[in-house]
Amino acid sequence: MRLVANGIEHEVLIAGPEDGPPVLLIHGLGWDHSLWQGQIALLAGKGYRVVAPDLRGMGATNKPDMTYSVDLYAEDMLALMDALAIPRFAVVGFSLGGIVAAAMVGTAKERLEGAVIACCAVHATPEGQSGTEAMLARAVTLGPLAFAREQAAAIWHQDYAAANPEAVERFVQWRAGMDQAALTRAFRAGYGIDYRPELAGSRLPIRFIAADRDPFASVEAMVELDRLTPHSDLVVIEGSGHMAPIEQPEALDAALLDFLERRVF
């Protein structure tokens, strides 16, 4: 369905019973709500009210030519839940979506029942930003298709890619067909952020999820986030690269359901 929130039109998939406990699923950079297709079916079948939007600049949501930021994404998500008349909810974020969830822990703690933050760091570094700028400059030279192949080699673990070449190729063609200018704006959305103080001061139940082969968010980095967050725990998914929701869906589903059923609702 289409909903106007925070000044733009969002594409949102809603599933599950209207009176079910509400769960907001926030996808990662360069994806849309289809990242969560397995989790949407699972949670809706368990009686949850699932809200899975496409982020600004991605999927079928509007792609305004402006600076994107994590805080802006968080504002979008809150405005979207306001438009749906959902005052309190649990949030689940993966990769960029996990950073947005961390931002919401600080700005919307009175709205949240709990948060799952998966496969991401929550603070920027000068080295990371320089690396992103070099990557974006290379993307211009490579062109969309070659850049998408380079991205695929990074985000999918080689074992998954070898076993699922058709799925990886579908991702490559899909990523190459995206609005590349909007994708570039999304890549820069995390510049200058640091949500570690918000996590350290939170009283919410929070679950961190790490993938043991993730090149972007190491287990060690996720352990540090767990240590500084008072009411958190950490689940490590084995045998997965960055794309845990797709590479190891059963393990991620188990961690998600356990958290929602035992610690939130």
C-alpha atoms as a PDB file:
ATOM      1  CA  MET A   1       0.000   0.000   0.000  1.00  0.00           C
ATOM      2  CA  ARG A   2       0.997   3.658  -0.389  1.00  0.00           C
ATOM      3  CA  LEU A   3       1.147   6.017   2.586  1.00  0.00           C
ATOM      4  CA  VAL A   4       2.234   9.639   2.846  1.00  0.00           C
ATOM      5  CA  ALA A   5       4.478  10.284   5.844  1.00  0.00           C
ATOM      6  CA  ASN A   6       7.106  12.942   6.568  1.00  0.00           C
ATOM      7  CA  GLY A   7       6.393  14.651   3.273  1.00  0.00           C
ATOM      8  CA  ILE A   8       6.902  11.715   0.900  1.00  0.00           C
ATOM      9  CA  GLU A   9       4.963   8.711  -0.340  1.00  0.00           C
ATOM     10  CA  HIS A  10       6.091   5.372   1.065  1.00  0.00           C
ATOM     11  CA  GLU A  11       5.516   1.875  -0.214  1.00  0.00           C
ATOM     12  CA  VAL A  12       4.593  -0.327   2.765  1.00  0.00           C
ATOM     13  CA  LEU A  13       3.691  -3.988   3.075  1.00  0.00           C
ATOM     14  CA  ILE A  14       1.404  -4.752   6.026  1.00  0.00           C
ATOM     15  CA  ALA A  15       0.628  -8.318   7.073  1.00  0.00           C
ATOM     16  CA  GLY A  16      -0.872 -10.189   9.993  1.00  0.00           C
ATOM     17  CA  PRO A  17      -3.921  -9.570  12.180  1.00  0.00           C
ATOM     18  CA  GLU A  18      -4.894  -5.956  12.882  1.00  0.00           C
ATOM     19  CA  ASP A  19      -4.871  -6.559  16.636  1.00  0.00           C
ATOM     20  CA  GLY A  20      -1.538  -8.402  16.672  1.00  0.00           C
ATOM     21  CA  PRO A  21       1.540  -7.020  18.456  1.00  0.00           C
ATOM     22  CA  PRO A  22       3.076  -4.575  15.958  1.00  0.00           C
ATOM     23  CA  VAL A  23       6.589  -5.157  14.593  1.00  0.00           C
ATOM     24  CA  LEU A  24       8.352  -2.716  12.249  1.00  0.00           C
ATOM     25  CA  LEU A  25      10.916  -4.337   9.926  1.00  0.00           C
ATOM     26  CA  ILE A  26      13.573  -2.000   8.456  1.00  0.00           C
ATOM     27  CA  HIS A  27      15.640  -3.352   5.566  1.00  0.00           C
ATOM     28  CA  GLY A  28      19.251  -2.639   4.679  1.00  0.00           C
ATOM     29  CA  LEU A  29      20.898  -0.317   2.173  1.00  0.00           C
ATOM     30  CA  GLY A  30      20.111  -1.033  -1.449  1.00  0.00           C
ATOM     31  CA  TRP A  31      17.192  -3.342  -0.669  1.00  0.00           C
ATOM     32  CA  ASP A  32      13.465  -2.980  -0.143  1.00  0.00           C
ATOM     33  CA  HIS A  33      10.912  -4.753   2.046  1.00  0.00           C
ATOM     34  CA  SER A  34      11.354  -7.981   0.031  1.00  0.00           C
ATOM     35  CA  LEU A  35      14.524  -8.614   2.047  1.00  0.00           C
ATOM     36  CA  TRP A  36      12.144  -9.684   4.828  1.00  0.00           C
ATOM     37  CA  GLN A  37       9.798 -11.885   2.800  1.00  0.00           C
ATOM     38  CA  GLY A  38      10.535 -14.970   4.910  1.00  0.00           C
ATOM     39  CA  GLN A  39      10.283 -13.080   8.188  1.00  0.00           C
ATOM     40  CA  ILE A  40       7.067 -11.310   7.110  1.00  0.00           C
ATOM     41  CA  ALA A  41       5.354 -14.645   6.466  1.00  0.00           C
ATOM     42  CA  LEU A  42       6.702 -16.132   9.700  1.00  0.00           C
ATOM     43  CA  LEU A  43       5.690 -13.240  11.970  1.00  0.00           C
ATOM     44  CA  ALA A  44       2.288 -12.738  10.367  1.00  0.00           C
ATOM     45  CA  GLY A  45       1.627 -16.455  10.767  1.00  0.00           C
ATOM     46  CA  LYS A  46       2.500 -16.166  14.455  1.00  0.00           C
ATOM     47  CA  GLY A  47      -0.070 -13.425  14.929  1.00  0.00           C
ATOM     48  CA  TYR A  48       2.107 -10.317  14.744  1.00  0.00           C
ATOM     49  CA  ARG A  49       1.083  -7.175  12.882  1.00  0.00           C
ATOM     50  CA  VAL A  50       4.015  -6.685  10.511  1.00  0.00           C
ATOM     51  CA  VAL A  51       4.883  -3.322   8.950  1.00  0.00           C
ATOM     52  CA  ALA A  52       7.618  -3.558   6.300  1.00  0.00           C
ATOM     53  CA  PRO A  53       8.277  -0.306   4.392  1.00  0.00           C
ATOM     54  CA  ASP A  54      10.676   0.570   1.600  1.00  0.00           C
ATOM     55  CA  LEU A  55      13.078   3.219   2.886  1.00  0.00           C
ATOM     56  CA  ARG A  56      13.340   6.665   1.304  1.00  0.00           C
ATOM     57  CA  GLY A  57      15.249   6.394  -1.967  1.00  0.00           C
ATOM     58  CA  MET A  58      14.770   2.630  -2.265  1.00  0.00           C
ATOM     59  CA  GLY A  59      12.190   0.245  -3.636  1.00  0.00           C
ATOM     60  CA  ALA A  60       8.942   1.960  -4.626  1.00  0.00           C
ATOM     61  CA  THR A  61       9.155   4.724  -2.005  1.00  0.00           C
ATOM     62  CA  ASN A  62       9.793   8.267  -3.265  1.00  0.00           C
ATOM     63  CA  LYS A  63      13.386   9.214  -4.052  1.00  0.00           C
ATOM     64  CA  PRO A  64      13.673  12.968  -3.479  1.00  0.00           C
ATOM     65  CA  ASP A  65      16.913  14.630  -4.585  1.00  0.00           C
ATOM     66  CA  MET A  66      18.202  15.723  -1.184  1.00  0.00           C
ATOM     67  CA  THR A  67      20.631  14.660   1.517  1.00  0.00           C
ATOM     68  CA  TYR A  68      19.591  11.444   3.255  1.00  0.00           C
ATOM     69  CA  SER A  69      20.563  10.727   6.848  1.00  0.00           C
ATOM     70  CA  VAL A  70      19.955   8.021   9.420  1.00  0.00           C
ATOM     71  CA  ASP A  71      18.052  10.519  11.558  1.00  0.00           C
ATOM     72  CA  LEU A  72      15.849  11.341   8.567  1.00  0.00           C
ATOM     73  CA  TYR A  73      15.126   7.645   8.040  1.00  0.00           C
ATOM     74  CA  ALA A  74      14.187   7.382  11.734  1.00  0.00           C
ATOM     75  CA  GLU A  75      11.838  10.364  11.350  1.00  0.00           C
ATOM     76  CA  ASP A  76      10.279   8.674   8.321  1.00  0.00           C
ATOM     77  CA  MET A  77       9.652   5.478  10.284  1.00  0.00           C
ATOM     78  CA  LEU A  78       8.010   7.303  13.188  1.00  0.00           C
ATOM     79  CA  ALA A  79       5.845   9.351  10.837  1.00  0.00           C
ATOM     80  CA  LEU A  80       4.850   6.149   9.062  1.00  0.00           C
ATOM     81  CA  MET A  81       3.788   4.485  12.310  1.00  0.00           C
ATOM     82  CA  ASP A  82       1.862   7.656  13.199  1.00  0.00           C
ATOM     83  CA  ALA A  83       0.073   7.460   9.846  1.00  0.00           C
ATOM     84  CA  LEU A  84      -0.875   3.876  10.697  1.00  0.00           C
ATOM     85  CA  ALA A  85      -2.054   4.928  14.195  1.00  0.00           C
ATOM     86  CA  ILE A  86       0.391   2.531  15.877  1.00  0.00           C
ATOM     87  CA  PRO A  87       1.617   4.212  19.082  1.00  0.00           C
ATOM     88  CA  ARG A  88       3.961   1.481  20.356  1.00  0.00           C
ATOM     89  CA  PHE A  89       5.813  -1.243  18.527  1.00  0.00           C
ATOM     90  CA  ALA A  90       8.929  -3.386  18.373  1.00  0.00           C
ATOM     91  CA  VAL A  91      11.528  -2.499  15.747  1.00  0.00           C
ATOM     92  CA  VAL A  92      13.779  -4.918  13.876  1.00  0.00           C
ATOM     93  CA  GLY A  93      16.559  -3.482  11.726  1.00  0.00           C
ATOM     94  CA  PHE A  94      19.186  -5.110   9.538  1.00  0.00           C
ATOM     95  CA  SER A  95      22.392  -3.390   8.360  1.00  0.00           C
ATOM     96  CA  LEU A  96      21.385   0.217   7.571  1.00  0.00           C
ATOM     97  CA  GLY A  97      18.015  -0.634   9.080  1.00  0.00           C
ATOM     98  CA  GLY A  98      19.787  -1.676  12.268  1.00  0.00           C
ATOM     99  CA  ILE A  99      21.450   1.727  12.451  1.00  0.00           C
ATOM    100  CA  VAL A 100      18.044   3.356  12.002  1.00  0.00           C
ATOM    101  CA  ALA A 101      16.725   1.182  14.838  1.00  0.00           C
ATOM    102  CA  ALA A 102      19.619   2.341  17.037  1.00  0.00           C
ATOM    103  CA  ALA A 103      18.727   5.956  16.258  1.00  0.00           C
ATOM    104  CA  MET A 104      15.139   5.257  17.247  1.00  0.00           C
ATOM    105  CA  VAL A 105      16.283   3.823  20.580  1.00  0.00           C
ATOM    106  CA  GLY A 106      17.452   7.350  21.349  1.00  0.00           C
ATOM    107  CA  THR A 107      14.748   9.484  19.748  1.00  0.00           C
ATOM    108  CA  ALA A 108      11.666   7.289  20.157  1.00  0.00           C
ATOM    109  CA  LYS A 109      12.295   5.203  23.263  1.00  0.00           C
ATOM    110  CA  GLU A 110       8.820   5.993  24.589  1.00  0.00           C
ATOM    111  CA  ARG A 111       7.348   4.410  21.426  1.00  0.00           C
ATOM    112  CA  LEU A 112       9.392   1.214  21.424  1.00  0.00           C
ATOM    113  CA  GLU A 113       8.659  -2.096  23.130  1.00  0.00           C
ATOM    114  CA  GLY A 114      12.099  -3.405  22.187  1.00  0.00           C
ATOM    115  CA  ALA A 115      14.652  -3.461  19.370  1.00  0.00           C
ATOM    116  CA  VAL A 116      16.579  -6.009  17.328  1.00  0.00           C
ATOM    117  CA  ILE A 117      19.739  -4.573  15.772  1.00  0.00           C
ATOM    118  CA  ALA A 118      21.418  -6.904  13.292  1.00  0.00           C
ATOM    119  CA  CYS A 119      24.692  -6.901  11.375  1.00  0.00           C
ATOM    120  CA  CYS A 120      25.744  -3.264  11.683  1.00  0.00           C
ATOM    121  CA  ALA A 121      27.959  -0.751  13.403  1.00  0.00           C
ATOM    122  CA  VAL A 122      26.289   2.268  14.986  1.00  0.00           C
ATOM    123  CA  HIS A 123      29.057   4.841  14.665  1.00  0.00           C
ATOM    124  CA  ALA A 124      30.952   6.306  11.732  1.00  0.00           C
ATOM    125  CA  THR A 125      34.716   6.680  11.397  1.00  0.00           C
ATOM    126  CA  PRO A 126      36.761   8.958   9.106  1.00  0.00           C
ATOM    127  CA  GLU A 127      38.380   5.866   7.597  1.00  0.00           C
ATOM    128  CA  GLY A 128      35.002   4.324   6.856  1.00  0.00           C
ATOM    129  CA  GLN A 129      33.716   7.484   5.213  1.00  0.00           C
ATOM    130  CA  SER A 130      36.867   7.798   3.093  1.00  0.00           C
ATOM    131  CA  GLY A 131      36.440   4.179   2.025  1.00  0.00           C
ATOM    132  CA  THR A 132      32.826   4.810   1.059  1.00  0.00           C
ATOM    133  CA  GLU A 133      33.783   7.852  -1.014  1.00  0.00           C
ATOM    134  CA  ALA A 134      36.464   5.831  -2.820  1.00  0.00           C
ATOM    135  CA  MET A 135      33.907   3.099  -3.477  1.00  0.00           C
ATOM    136  CA  LEU A 136      31.366   5.605  -4.831  1.00  0.00           C
ATOM    137  CA  ALA A 137      33.993   7.143  -7.119  1.00  0.00           C
ATOM    138  CA  ARG A 138      34.817   3.665  -8.388  1.00  0.00           C
ATOM    139  CA  ALA A 139      31.107   2.995  -8.960  1.00  0.00           C
ATOM    140  CA  VAL A 140      30.973   5.884 -11.427  1.00  0.00           C
ATOM    141  CA  THR A 141      33.878   4.398 -13.367  1.00  0.00           C
ATOM    142  CA  LEU A 142      32.581   0.835 -13.242  1.00  0.00           C
ATOM    143  CA  GLY A 143      28.970   1.561 -14.157  1.00  0.00           C
ATOM    144  CA  PRO A 144      25.891   0.071 -12.452  1.00  0.00           C
ATOM    145  CA  LEU A 145      26.283  -3.564 -13.524  1.00  0.00           C
ATOM    146  CA  ALA A 146      29.968  -3.969 -12.679  1.00  0.00           C
ATOM    147  CA  PHE A 147      29.457  -2.080  -9.428  1.00  0.00           C
ATOM    148  CA  ALA A 148      26.574  -4.394  -8.520  1.00  0.00           C
ATOM    149  CA  ARG A 149      28.830  -7.411  -9.136  1.00  0.00           C
ATOM    150  CA  GLU A 150      31.497  -5.907  -6.910  1.00  0.00           C
ATOM    151  CA  GLN A 151      28.903  -5.310  -4.200  1.00  0.00           C
ATOM    152  CA  ALA A 152      27.613  -8.870  -4.524  1.00  0.00           C
ATOM    153  CA  ALA A 153      31.102 -10.249  -3.977  1.00  0.00           C
ATOM    154  CA  ALA A 154      31.268  -8.308  -0.711  1.00  0.00           C
ATOM    155  CA  ILE A 155      27.850  -8.887   0.814  1.00  0.00           C
ATOM    156  CA  TRP A 156      27.326 -12.572  -0.012  1.00  0.00           C
ATOM    157  CA  HIS A 157      29.639 -15.087   1.590  1.00  0.00           C
ATOM    158  CA  GLN A 158      31.499 -17.097  -1.029  1.00  0.00           C
ATOM    159  CA  ASP A 159      29.948 -20.393   0.141  1.00  0.00           C
ATOM    160  CA  TYR A 160      26.418 -19.026  -0.301  1.00  0.00           C
ATOM    161  CA  ALA A 161      27.320 -17.489  -3.664  1.00  0.00           C
ATOM    162  CA  ALA A 162      28.778 -20.770  -4.911  1.00  0.00           C
ATOM    163  CA  ALA A 163      25.687 -22.712  -3.837  1.00  0.00           C
ATOM    164  CA  ASN A 164      23.194 -20.105  -5.049  1.00  0.00           C
ATOM    165  CA  PRO A 165      24.585 -18.450  -8.207  1.00  0.00           C
ATOM    166  CA  GLU A 166      21.137 -17.760  -9.656  1.00  0.00           C
ATOM    167  CA  ALA A 167      20.028 -15.904  -6.512  1.00  0.00           C
ATOM    168  CA  VAL A 168      23.191 -13.825  -6.529  1.00  0.00           C
ATOM    169  CA  GLU A 169      22.768 -13.012 -10.220  1.00  0.00           C
ATOM    170  CA  ARG A 170      19.179 -11.909  -9.585  1.00  0.00           C
ATOM    171  CA  PHE A 171      20.522  -9.593  -6.900  1.00  0.00           C
ATOM    172  CA  VAL A 172      23.150  -8.195  -9.304  1.00  0.00           C
ATOM    173  CA  GLN A 173      20.596  -7.408 -12.005  1.00  0.00           C
ATOM    174  CA  TRP A 174      18.197  -5.930  -9.439  1.00  0.00           C
ATOM    175  CA  ARG A 175      20.850  -3.749  -7.801  1.00  0.00           C
ATOM    176  CA  ALA A 176      22.105  -2.549 -11.198  1.00  0.00           C
ATOM    177  CA  GLY A 177      18.562  -1.488 -12.088  1.00  0.00           C
ATOM    178  CA  MET A 178      18.124   0.719  -9.020  1.00  0.00           C
ATOM    179  CA  ASP A 179      18.174   4.500  -9.057  1.00  0.00           C
ATOM    180  CA  GLN A 180      21.937   4.899  -8.684  1.00  0.00           C
ATOM    181  CA  ALA A 181      21.797   8.545  -7.570  1.00  0.00           C
ATOM    182  CA  ALA A 182      19.401   7.658  -4.745  1.00  0.00           C
ATOM    183  CA  LEU A 183      21.600   4.700  -3.827  1.00  0.00           C
ATOM    184  CA  THR A 184      24.594   7.033  -3.570  1.00  0.00           C
ATOM    185  CA  ARG A 185      22.649   9.323  -1.231  1.00  0.00           C
ATOM    186  CA  ALA A 186      21.784   6.305   0.918  1.00  0.00           C
ATOM    187  CA  PHE A 187      25.430   5.223   1.110  1.00  0.00           C
ATOM    188  CA  ARG A 188      26.266   8.613   2.639  1.00  0.00           C
ATOM    189  CA  ALA A 189      23.372   8.568   5.125  1.00  0.00           C
ATOM    190  CA  GLY A 190      25.520   7.263   7.967  1.00  0.00           C
ATOM    191  CA  TYR A 191      28.247   9.899   7.845  1.00  0.00           C
ATOM    192  CA  GLY A 192      29.016  11.468  11.213  1.00  0.00           C
ATOM    193  CA  ILE A 193      26.756   9.233  13.299  1.00  0.00           C
ATOM    194  CA  ASP A 194      27.382   7.765  16.748  1.00  0.00           C
ATOM    195  CA  TYR A 195      24.480   6.085  18.520  1.00  0.00           C
ATOM    196  CA  ARG A 196      26.579   4.352  21.179  1.00  0.00           C
ATOM    197  CA  PRO A 197      25.542   6.883  23.874  1.00  0.00           C
ATOM    198  CA  GLU A 198      21.874   6.225  23.093  1.00  0.00           C
ATOM    199  CA  LEU A 199      22.389   2.485  23.467  1.00  0.00           C
ATOM    200  CA  ALA A 200      24.406   2.892  26.665  1.00  0.00           C
ATOM    201  CA  GLY A 201      21.602   4.939  28.219  1.00  0.00           C
ATOM    202  CA  SER A 202      18.732   2.767  27.061  1.00  0.00           C
ATOM    203  CA  ARG A 203      16.434   0.791  29.358  1.00  0.00           C
ATOM    204  CA  LEU A 204      14.772  -1.054  26.477  1.00  0.00           C
ATOM    205  CA  PRO A 205      15.206  -4.774  25.856  1.00  0.00           C
ATOM    206  CA  ILE A 206      17.592  -4.990  22.905  1.00  0.00           C
ATOM    207  CA  ARG A 207      18.932  -7.988  21.021  1.00  0.00           C
ATOM    208  CA  PHE A 208      22.003  -7.700  18.834  1.00  0.00           C
ATOM    209  CA  ILE A 209      22.476 -10.239  16.053  1.00  0.00           C
ATOM    210  CA  ALA A 210      25.878 -10.850  14.481  1.00  0.00           C
ATOM    211  CA  ALA A 211      26.930 -13.103  11.595  1.00  0.00           C
ATOM    212  CA  ASP A 212      30.213 -14.903  12.132  1.00  0.00           C
ATOM    213  CA  ARG A 213      31.493 -14.274   8.573  1.00  0.00           C
ATOM    214  CA  ASP A 214      30.232 -10.706   8.191  1.00  0.00           C
ATOM    215  CA  PRO A 215      32.944  -8.471   6.662  1.00  0.00           C
ATOM    216  CA  PHE A 216      31.092  -5.265   7.610  1.00  0.00           C
ATOM    217  CA  ALA A 217      30.091  -5.834  11.244  1.00  0.00           C
ATOM    218  CA  SER A 218      32.396  -8.242  13.027  1.00  0.00           C
ATOM    219  CA  VAL A 219      31.341 -10.394  15.953  1.00  0.00           C
ATOM    220  CA  GLU A 220      33.871  -8.503  18.075  1.00  0.00           C
ATOM    221  CA  ALA A 221      32.238  -5.167  17.215  1.00  0.00           C
ATOM    222  CA  MET A 222      28.795  -6.527  18.049  1.00  0.00           C
ATOM    223  CA  VAL A 223      30.118  -7.907  21.342  1.00  0.00           C
ATOM    224  CA  GLU A 224      31.253  -4.384  22.237  1.00  0.00           C
ATOM    225  CA  LEU A 225      27.786  -3.011  21.512  1.00  0.00           C
ATOM    226  CA  ASP A 226      26.264  -5.684  23.720  1.00  0.00           C
ATOM    227  CA  ARG A 227      28.690  -4.848  26.537  1.00  0.00           C
ATOM    228  CA  LEU A 228      27.832  -1.153  26.581  1.00  0.00           C
ATOM    229  CA  THR A 229      24.038  -1.666  26.379  1.00  0.00           C
ATOM    230  CA  PRO A 230      22.420  -2.363  29.771  1.00  0.00           C
ATOM    231  CA  HIS A 231      19.459  -4.612  28.891  1.00  0.00           C
ATOM    232  CA  SER A 232      20.781  -6.380  25.816  1.00  0.00           C
ATOM    233  CA  ASP A 233      21.937  -9.765  24.680  1.00  0.00           C
ATOM    234  CA  LEU A 234      23.767 -11.049  21.606  1.00  0.00           C
ATOM    235  CA  VAL A 235      23.062 -13.921  19.233  1.00  0.00           C
ATOM    236  CA  VAL A 236      25.788 -15.004  16.814  1.00  0.00           C
ATOM    237  CA  ILE A 237      24.592 -16.729  13.642  1.00  0.00           C
ATOM    238  CA  GLU A 238      27.113 -19.252  12.379  1.00  0.00           C
ATOM    239  CA  GLY A 239      27.968 -19.934   8.768  1.00  0.00           C
ATOM    240  CA  SER A 240      26.668 -16.624   7.452  1.00  0.00           C
ATOM    241  CA  GLY A 241      28.080 -13.652   5.639  1.00  0.00           C
ATOM    242  CA  HIS A 242      26.475 -10.238   5.906  1.00  0.00           C
ATOM    243  CA  MET A 243      23.128 -11.299   4.450  1.00  0.00           C
ATOM    244  CA  ALA A 244      21.974 -13.360   7.424  1.00  0.00           C
ATOM    245  CA  PRO A 245      18.217 -12.952   6.761  1.00  0.00           C
ATOM    246  CA  ILE A 246      18.707 -14.758   3.444  1.00  0.00           C
ATOM    247  CA  GLU A 247      21.816 -16.879   4.005  1.00  0.00           C
ATOM    248  CA  GLN A 248      20.714 -18.346   7.351  1.00  0.00           C
ATOM    249  CA  PRO A 249      17.001 -17.535   7.690  1.00  0.00           C
ATOM    250  CA  GLU A 250      16.160 -20.316  10.139  1.00  0.00           C
ATOM    251  CA  ALA A 251      18.765 -19.147  12.641  1.00  0.00           C
ATOM    252  CA  LEU A 252      17.741 -15.511  12.291  1.00  0.00           C
ATOM    253  CA  ASP A 253      14.046 -16.413  12.579  1.00  0.00           C
ATOM    254  CA  ALA A 254      14.695 -18.357  15.776  1.00  0.00           C
ATOM    255  CA  ALA A 255      16.610 -15.449  17.314  1.00  0.00           C
ATOM    256  CA  LEU A 256      13.891 -12.998  16.300  1.00  0.00           C
ATOM    257  CA  LEU A 257      10.960 -15.057  17.589  1.00  0.00           C
ATOM    258  CA  ASP A 258      12.713 -15.886  20.852  1.00  0.00           C
ATOM    259  CA  PHE A 259      13.325 -12.201  21.525  1.00  0.00           C
ATOM    260  CA  LEU A 260       9.793 -11.074  20.672  1.00  0.00           C
ATOM    261  CA  GLU A 261       8.079 -13.869  22.604  1.00  0.00           C
ATOM    262  CA  ARG A 262      10.340 -14.026  25.632  1.00  0.00           C
ATOM    263  CA  ARG A 263      11.525 -10.449  26.166  1.00  0.00           C
ATOM    264  CA  VAL A 264       9.079  -8.082  24.448  1.00  0.00           C
ATOM    265  CA  PHE A 265       5.518  -9.326  24.082  1.00  0.00           C
END
